């Protein structure tokens, strides 16, 4: 496998017509750091199941334990710096109204489904956002 190819799981968490997004400041290979929005999640470790990845990443990144349901979509996107295979899973919080937090100066935001495409989304996340925004 090409070392610049990574596999990532992302959570689609809905609540009252809104979707949870997380921000990330990143340089996508242009030399300029920008703030982008994405579905929360992260890299799959070797030997780790997708469900285990989702639970670990969301607990680490936003402090929430989730139930992982079905695979909604998968996409492959090529950035100048790496290729990403992204798996989007429908997830739900295990507890009602968890106290969410985000690390490293990031933000979490509940965004109306109808407004999701107005966010500065990471390009790899756009196909899922387009699907949800229909």
N, C-alpha and C. Protein backbone atom coordinates (compact mmCIF):
# COMPACT_ATOMS: atom_id res chain seq x y z
N UNK A 1 0.84 -1.19 0.00
CA UNK A 1 0.00 0.00 0.00
C UNK A 1 0.89 1.25 0.00
N UNK A 2 0.46 2.24 -0.71
CA UNK A 2 1.16 3.52 -0.76
C UNK A 2 1.16 4.15 0.64
N UNK A 3 2.31 4.55 1.18
CA UNK A 3 2.35 5.10 2.54
C UNK A 3 1.60 6.42 2.69
N UNK A 4 1.27 7.09 1.58
CA UNK A 4 0.53 8.34 1.70
C UNK A 4 -0.98 8.10 1.59
N UNK A 5 -1.42 6.84 1.64
CA UNK A 5 -2.84 6.50 1.57
C UNK A 5 -3.30 6.15 2.97
N UNK A 6 -4.30 6.87 3.48
CA UNK A 6 -4.80 6.59 4.82
C UNK A 6 -6.28 6.24 4.77
N UNK A 7 -6.71 5.44 5.75
CA UNK A 7 -8.12 5.07 5.90
C UNK A 7 -8.66 5.77 7.13
N UNK A 8 -9.83 6.38 6.97
CA UNK A 8 -10.43 7.21 8.01
C UNK A 8 -11.91 6.86 8.17
N UNK A 9 -12.37 6.82 9.40
CA UNK A 9 -13.80 6.68 9.69
C UNK A 9 -14.33 8.02 10.17
N UNK A 10 -15.54 8.36 9.74
CA UNK A 10 -16.17 9.62 10.14
C UNK A 10 -17.60 9.35 10.59
N UNK A 11 -18.02 10.07 11.62
CA UNK A 11 -19.35 9.88 12.20
C UNK A 11 -20.34 10.89 11.66
N UNK A 12 -21.50 10.39 11.28
CA UNK A 12 -22.62 11.24 10.92
C UNK A 12 -23.59 11.15 12.09
N UNK A 13 -23.61 12.23 12.88
CA UNK A 13 -24.45 12.28 14.08
C UNK A 13 -25.49 13.36 13.88
N UNK A 14 -26.75 12.96 13.93
CA UNK A 14 -27.86 13.90 13.70
C UNK A 14 -28.63 14.12 14.99
N UNK A 15 -29.16 15.33 15.10
CA UNK A 15 -30.03 15.67 16.24
C UNK A 15 -30.93 16.82 15.83
N UNK A 16 -32.21 16.59 15.82
CA UNK A 16 -33.21 17.62 15.51
C UNK A 16 -32.90 18.37 14.22
N UNK A 17 -32.60 17.65 13.15
CA UNK A 17 -32.36 18.28 11.85
C UNK A 17 -31.00 18.92 11.71
N UNK A 18 -30.11 18.66 12.66
CA UNK A 18 -28.75 19.22 12.60
C UNK A 18 -27.74 18.08 12.59
N UNK A 19 -26.55 18.40 12.05
CA UNK A 19 -25.44 17.47 11.95
C UNK A 19 -24.26 18.02 12.74
N UNK A 20 -23.56 17.16 13.47
CA UNK A 20 -22.39 17.59 14.23
C UNK A 20 -21.16 17.64 13.32
N UNK A 21 -20.50 18.80 13.29
CA UNK A 21 -19.26 18.98 12.55
C UNK A 21 -18.16 19.45 13.50
N UNK A 22 -16.92 19.14 13.15
CA UNK A 22 -15.75 19.58 13.91
C UNK A 22 -14.85 20.38 12.98
N UNK A 23 -14.17 21.36 13.55
CA UNK A 23 -13.26 22.16 12.73
C UNK A 23 -11.85 21.59 12.83
N UNK A 24 -11.06 21.93 11.82
CA UNK A 24 -9.65 21.55 11.82
C UNK A 24 -8.89 22.57 11.01
N UNK A 25 -7.79 23.07 11.57
CA UNK A 25 -6.90 23.98 10.85
C UNK A 25 -5.84 23.13 10.16
N UNK A 26 -5.76 23.23 8.83
CA UNK A 26 -4.89 22.33 8.08
C UNK A 26 -4.43 22.98 6.79
N UNK A 27 -3.25 22.59 6.36
CA UNK A 27 -2.72 22.97 5.05
C UNK A 27 -2.93 21.76 4.14
N UNK A 28 -3.72 21.90 3.12
CA UNK A 28 -4.02 20.80 2.21
C UNK A 28 -3.00 20.70 1.08
N UNK A 29 -1.85 21.30 1.27
CA UNK A 29 -0.81 21.22 0.26
C UNK A 29 -0.63 22.50 -0.51
N UNK A 30 -1.32 23.56 -0.10
CA UNK A 30 -1.22 24.84 -0.79
C UNK A 30 -0.20 25.78 -0.15
N UNK A 31 0.29 25.41 1.04
CA UNK A 31 1.19 26.29 1.78
C UNK A 31 0.45 27.25 2.69
N UNK A 32 -0.87 27.17 2.71
CA UNK A 32 -1.69 28.06 3.53
C UNK A 32 -2.58 27.23 4.46
N UNK A 33 -2.51 27.54 5.76
CA UNK A 33 -3.35 26.86 6.74
C UNK A 33 -4.72 27.53 6.74
N UNK A 34 -5.75 26.73 6.61
CA UNK A 34 -7.13 27.23 6.63
C UNK A 34 -7.95 26.41 7.61
N UNK A 35 -9.05 27.00 8.09
CA UNK A 35 -9.98 26.27 8.94
C UNK A 35 -11.03 25.60 8.05
N UNK A 36 -11.11 24.29 8.21
CA UNK A 36 -12.10 23.49 7.48
C UNK A 36 -13.02 22.81 8.49
N UNK A 37 -14.16 22.37 7.99
CA UNK A 37 -15.12 21.61 8.79
C UNK A 37 -15.19 20.20 8.24
N UNK A 38 -15.42 19.26 9.16
CA UNK A 38 -15.48 17.86 8.77
C UNK A 38 -16.39 17.10 9.72
N UNK A 39 -16.76 15.91 9.30
CA UNK A 39 -17.48 15.01 10.19
C UNK A 39 -16.44 14.46 11.17
N UNK A 40 -16.76 14.42 12.47
CA UNK A 40 -15.76 13.97 13.44
C UNK A 40 -15.36 12.52 13.21
N UNK A 41 -14.10 12.22 13.48
CA UNK A 41 -13.60 10.87 13.31
C UNK A 41 -12.09 10.87 13.25
N UNK A 42 -11.52 9.85 12.63
CA UNK A 42 -10.07 9.80 12.55
C UNK A 42 -9.56 8.54 11.88
N UNK A 43 -8.25 8.40 11.91
CA UNK A 43 -7.56 7.32 11.22
C UNK A 43 -7.83 5.97 11.87
N UNK A 44 -7.94 4.97 11.02
CA UNK A 44 -8.11 3.59 11.47
C UNK A 44 -6.73 3.01 11.74
N UNK A 45 -6.53 2.47 12.93
CA UNK A 45 -5.26 1.82 13.28
C UNK A 45 -5.21 0.43 12.66
N UNK A 46 -4.01 -0.07 12.42
CA UNK A 46 -3.84 -1.42 11.89
C UNK A 46 -4.55 -2.43 12.78
N UNK A 47 -5.35 -3.30 12.18
CA UNK A 47 -6.05 -4.34 12.91
C UNK A 47 -7.30 -3.88 13.64
N UNK A 48 -7.63 -2.62 13.55
CA UNK A 48 -8.78 -2.05 14.26
C UNK A 48 -10.02 -2.12 13.38
N UNK A 49 -11.14 -2.51 13.96
CA UNK A 49 -12.39 -2.51 13.20
C UNK A 49 -12.87 -1.07 13.03
N UNK A 50 -13.72 -0.85 12.06
CA UNK A 50 -14.26 0.49 11.84
C UNK A 50 -15.05 0.96 13.06
N UNK A 51 -15.85 0.06 13.64
CA UNK A 51 -16.65 0.44 14.82
C UNK A 51 -15.74 0.81 15.99
N UNK A 52 -14.67 0.02 16.20
CA UNK A 52 -13.74 0.34 17.29
C UNK A 52 -13.05 1.68 17.04
N UNK A 53 -12.69 1.95 15.78
CA UNK A 53 -12.08 3.23 15.42
C UNK A 53 -13.03 4.38 15.75
N UNK A 54 -14.29 4.24 15.36
CA UNK A 54 -15.27 5.33 15.61
C UNK A 54 -15.40 5.59 17.10
N UNK A 55 -15.56 4.53 17.89
CA UNK A 55 -15.72 4.71 19.33
C UNK A 55 -14.47 5.34 19.95
N UNK A 56 -13.29 4.86 19.57
CA UNK A 56 -12.05 5.41 20.13
C UNK A 56 -11.87 6.87 19.75
N UNK A 57 -12.01 7.17 18.47
CA UNK A 57 -11.78 8.54 18.00
C UNK A 57 -12.76 9.53 18.62
N UNK A 58 -14.03 9.18 18.70
CA UNK A 58 -15.01 10.12 19.24
C UNK A 58 -14.85 10.29 20.75
N UNK A 59 -14.44 9.24 21.43
CA UNK A 59 -14.16 9.39 22.86
C UNK A 59 -12.96 10.29 23.07
N UNK A 60 -11.90 10.09 22.27
CA UNK A 60 -10.69 10.92 22.39
C UNK A 60 -10.92 12.36 21.95
N UNK A 61 -11.61 12.55 20.84
CA UNK A 61 -11.70 13.88 20.24
C UNK A 61 -12.83 14.75 20.76
N UNK A 62 -13.97 14.14 21.10
CA UNK A 62 -15.09 14.97 21.55
C UNK A 62 -15.67 14.53 22.90
N UNK A 63 -15.09 13.49 23.50
CA UNK A 63 -15.51 13.05 24.83
C UNK A 63 -16.85 12.35 24.85
N UNK A 64 -17.24 11.72 23.75
CA UNK A 64 -18.55 11.07 23.68
C UNK A 64 -18.42 9.60 23.31
N UNK A 65 -19.19 8.78 24.01
CA UNK A 65 -19.29 7.36 23.68
C UNK A 65 -20.44 7.22 22.69
N UNK A 66 -20.20 6.50 21.60
CA UNK A 66 -21.22 6.37 20.57
C UNK A 66 -21.54 4.92 20.26
N UNK A 67 -22.74 4.74 19.76
CA UNK A 67 -23.16 3.48 19.15
C UNK A 67 -22.96 3.66 17.65
N UNK A 68 -22.28 2.73 17.02
CA UNK A 68 -21.99 2.80 15.59
C UNK A 68 -22.99 1.92 14.85
N UNK A 69 -23.64 2.50 13.85
CA UNK A 69 -24.63 1.77 13.08
C UNK A 69 -24.10 1.47 11.68
N UNK A 70 -24.86 1.78 10.68
CA UNK A 70 -24.54 1.36 9.31
C UNK A 70 -23.57 2.29 8.59
N UNK A 71 -22.88 1.69 7.61
CA UNK A 71 -22.03 2.45 6.71
C UNK A 71 -22.94 3.18 5.72
N UNK A 72 -22.88 4.50 5.73
CA UNK A 72 -23.75 5.30 4.86
C UNK A 72 -23.13 5.55 3.50
N UNK A 73 -21.79 5.70 3.48
CA UNK A 73 -21.11 6.04 2.23
C UNK A 73 -19.61 5.85 2.45
N UNK A 74 -18.91 5.59 1.37
CA UNK A 74 -17.45 5.63 1.41
C UNK A 74 -16.96 6.36 0.17
N UNK A 75 -15.90 7.11 0.34
CA UNK A 75 -15.34 7.88 -0.76
C UNK A 75 -13.82 7.79 -0.72
N UNK A 76 -13.21 8.07 -1.84
CA UNK A 76 -11.76 8.19 -1.93
C UNK A 76 -11.48 9.58 -2.47
N UNK A 77 -10.57 10.27 -1.81
CA UNK A 77 -10.22 11.62 -2.26
C UNK A 77 -8.70 11.77 -2.27
N UNK A 78 -8.19 12.39 -3.31
CA UNK A 78 -6.75 12.65 -3.41
C UNK A 78 -6.46 14.11 -3.13
N UNK A 79 -5.71 14.34 -2.06
CA UNK A 79 -5.20 15.65 -1.73
C UNK A 79 -3.76 15.71 -2.24
N UNK A 80 -3.18 16.90 -2.39
CA UNK A 80 -1.77 16.97 -2.80
C UNK A 80 -0.83 16.27 -1.81
N UNK A 81 -1.24 16.21 -0.53
CA UNK A 81 -0.36 15.66 0.50
C UNK A 81 -0.62 14.19 0.82
N UNK A 82 -1.80 13.67 0.47
CA UNK A 82 -2.12 12.26 0.76
C UNK A 82 -3.43 11.88 0.08
N UNK A 83 -3.65 10.57 0.01
CA UNK A 83 -4.93 10.03 -0.48
C UNK A 83 -5.70 9.51 0.72
N UNK A 84 -7.00 9.75 0.74
CA UNK A 84 -7.83 9.36 1.87
C UNK A 84 -8.97 8.48 1.39
N UNK A 85 -9.13 7.34 2.06
CA UNK A 85 -10.32 6.49 1.87
C UNK A 85 -11.16 6.72 3.11
N UNK A 86 -12.33 7.32 2.92
CA UNK A 86 -13.16 7.80 4.03
C UNK A 86 -14.45 6.99 4.10
N UNK A 87 -14.74 6.46 5.30
CA UNK A 87 -15.93 5.67 5.56
C UNK A 87 -16.84 6.47 6.50
N UNK A 88 -18.06 6.74 6.07
CA UNK A 88 -19.01 7.51 6.87
C UNK A 88 -20.01 6.56 7.52
N UNK A 89 -20.08 6.61 8.86
CA UNK A 89 -20.99 5.75 9.62
C UNK A 89 -22.02 6.58 10.36
N UNK A 90 -23.24 6.09 10.33
CA UNK A 90 -24.31 6.69 11.14
C UNK A 90 -24.03 6.29 12.59
N UNK A 91 -23.97 7.29 13.46
CA UNK A 91 -23.68 7.06 14.88
C UNK A 91 -24.68 7.80 15.74
N UNK A 92 -24.76 7.36 16.98
CA UNK A 92 -25.65 7.98 17.95
C UNK A 92 -24.96 7.99 19.31
N UNK A 93 -25.13 9.05 20.07
CA UNK A 93 -24.55 9.10 21.41
C UNK A 93 -25.21 8.04 22.29
N UNK A 94 -24.41 7.40 23.13
CA UNK A 94 -24.95 6.39 24.06
C UNK A 94 -25.67 7.04 25.23
N UNK A 95 -25.26 8.24 25.59
CA UNK A 95 -25.95 8.93 26.67
C UNK A 95 -26.64 10.17 26.12
N UNK A 96 -27.68 10.57 26.79
CA UNK A 96 -28.44 11.73 26.35
C UNK A 96 -27.69 13.00 26.71
N UNK A 97 -27.56 13.92 25.74
CA UNK A 97 -26.91 15.21 25.94
C UNK A 97 -25.53 15.11 26.59
N UNK A 98 -24.60 14.40 25.96
CA UNK A 98 -23.24 14.32 26.54
C UNK A 98 -22.57 15.69 26.51
N UNK A 99 -21.64 15.88 27.45
CA UNK A 99 -20.86 17.12 27.47
C UNK A 99 -19.72 16.96 26.48
N UNK A 100 -19.86 17.60 25.35
CA UNK A 100 -18.87 17.47 24.29
C UNK A 100 -17.75 18.48 24.46
N UNK A 101 -16.56 18.09 24.06
CA UNK A 101 -15.41 18.99 24.06
C UNK A 101 -14.58 18.70 22.82
N UNK A 102 -13.80 19.64 22.41
CA UNK A 102 -12.94 19.46 21.25
C UNK A 102 -11.53 19.88 21.64
N UNK A 103 -10.54 19.17 21.14
CA UNK A 103 -9.16 19.40 21.52
C UNK A 103 -8.45 20.37 20.58
N UNK A 104 -7.32 20.88 21.02
CA UNK A 104 -6.40 21.65 20.19
C UNK A 104 -7.01 22.88 19.51
N UNK A 105 -7.88 23.59 20.20
CA UNK A 105 -8.43 24.82 19.66
C UNK A 105 -9.47 24.61 18.57
N UNK A 106 -9.91 23.39 18.41
CA UNK A 106 -10.94 23.12 17.42
C UNK A 106 -12.30 23.50 17.98
N UNK A 107 -13.28 23.50 17.10
CA UNK A 107 -14.66 23.79 17.50
C UNK A 107 -15.54 22.63 17.11
N UNK A 108 -16.65 22.50 17.81
CA UNK A 108 -17.73 21.62 17.40
C UNK A 108 -18.93 22.51 17.11
N UNK A 109 -19.70 22.14 16.12
CA UNK A 109 -20.87 22.94 15.77
C UNK A 109 -21.97 22.04 15.24
N UNK A 110 -23.18 22.29 15.72
CA UNK A 110 -24.36 21.63 15.16
C UNK A 110 -24.84 22.50 14.01
N UNK A 111 -24.92 21.93 12.83
CA UNK A 111 -25.26 22.68 11.62
C UNK A 111 -26.55 22.11 11.03
N UNK A 112 -27.46 22.99 10.66
CA UNK A 112 -28.69 22.54 10.00
C UNK A 112 -28.33 21.80 8.73
N UNK A 113 -29.03 20.71 8.49
CA UNK A 113 -28.77 19.92 7.29
C UNK A 113 -28.84 20.78 6.05
N UNK A 114 -29.78 21.71 6.02
CA UNK A 114 -29.95 22.58 4.85
C UNK A 114 -28.80 23.57 4.67
N UNK A 115 -27.97 23.76 5.70
CA UNK A 115 -26.87 24.73 5.64
C UNK A 115 -25.49 24.08 5.58
N UNK A 116 -25.45 22.77 5.57
CA UNK A 116 -24.17 22.08 5.67
C UNK A 116 -23.23 22.40 4.50
N UNK A 117 -23.80 22.59 3.31
CA UNK A 117 -22.97 22.86 2.14
C UNK A 117 -22.43 24.29 2.12
N UNK A 118 -22.89 25.13 3.02
CA UNK A 118 -22.37 26.49 3.12
C UNK A 118 -21.10 26.56 3.98
N UNK A 119 -20.79 25.46 4.68
CA UNK A 119 -19.60 25.40 5.52
C UNK A 119 -18.37 25.18 4.63
N UNK A 120 -17.21 25.59 5.11
CA UNK A 120 -15.96 25.35 4.41
C UNK A 120 -15.51 23.92 4.73
N UNK A 121 -16.12 22.97 4.02
CA UNK A 121 -15.88 21.55 4.29
C UNK A 121 -14.59 21.07 3.65
N UNK A 122 -13.96 20.10 4.30
CA UNK A 122 -12.86 19.40 3.64
C UNK A 122 -13.42 18.75 2.38
N UNK A 123 -12.69 18.80 1.28
CA UNK A 123 -13.21 18.24 0.02
C UNK A 123 -13.65 16.79 0.12
N UNK A 124 -12.96 15.97 0.91
CA UNK A 124 -13.34 14.56 1.04
C UNK A 124 -14.69 14.38 1.72
N UNK A 125 -15.12 15.38 2.49
CA UNK A 125 -16.39 15.30 3.21
C UNK A 125 -17.58 15.80 2.39
N UNK A 126 -17.31 16.48 1.29
CA UNK A 126 -18.39 17.08 0.50
C UNK A 126 -19.39 16.08 -0.06
N UNK A 127 -18.98 14.91 -0.57
CA UNK A 127 -20.01 13.98 -1.08
C UNK A 127 -21.04 13.57 -0.02
N UNK A 128 -20.58 13.37 1.22
CA UNK A 128 -21.53 13.02 2.28
C UNK A 128 -22.43 14.21 2.59
N UNK A 129 -21.87 15.41 2.63
CA UNK A 129 -22.67 16.61 2.89
C UNK A 129 -23.70 16.81 1.80
N UNK A 130 -23.30 16.59 0.55
CA UNK A 130 -24.25 16.72 -0.57
C UNK A 130 -25.37 15.72 -0.43
N UNK A 131 -25.05 14.51 -0.05
CA UNK A 131 -26.07 13.48 0.17
C UNK A 131 -27.05 13.90 1.26
N UNK A 132 -26.52 14.41 2.36
CA UNK A 132 -27.38 14.82 3.49
C UNK A 132 -28.19 16.07 3.15
N UNK A 133 -27.64 16.93 2.33
CA UNK A 133 -28.30 18.20 2.00
C UNK A 133 -29.40 18.07 0.97
N UNK A 134 -29.56 16.89 0.39
CA UNK A 134 -30.62 16.70 -0.63
C UNK A 134 -32.00 16.85 -0.04
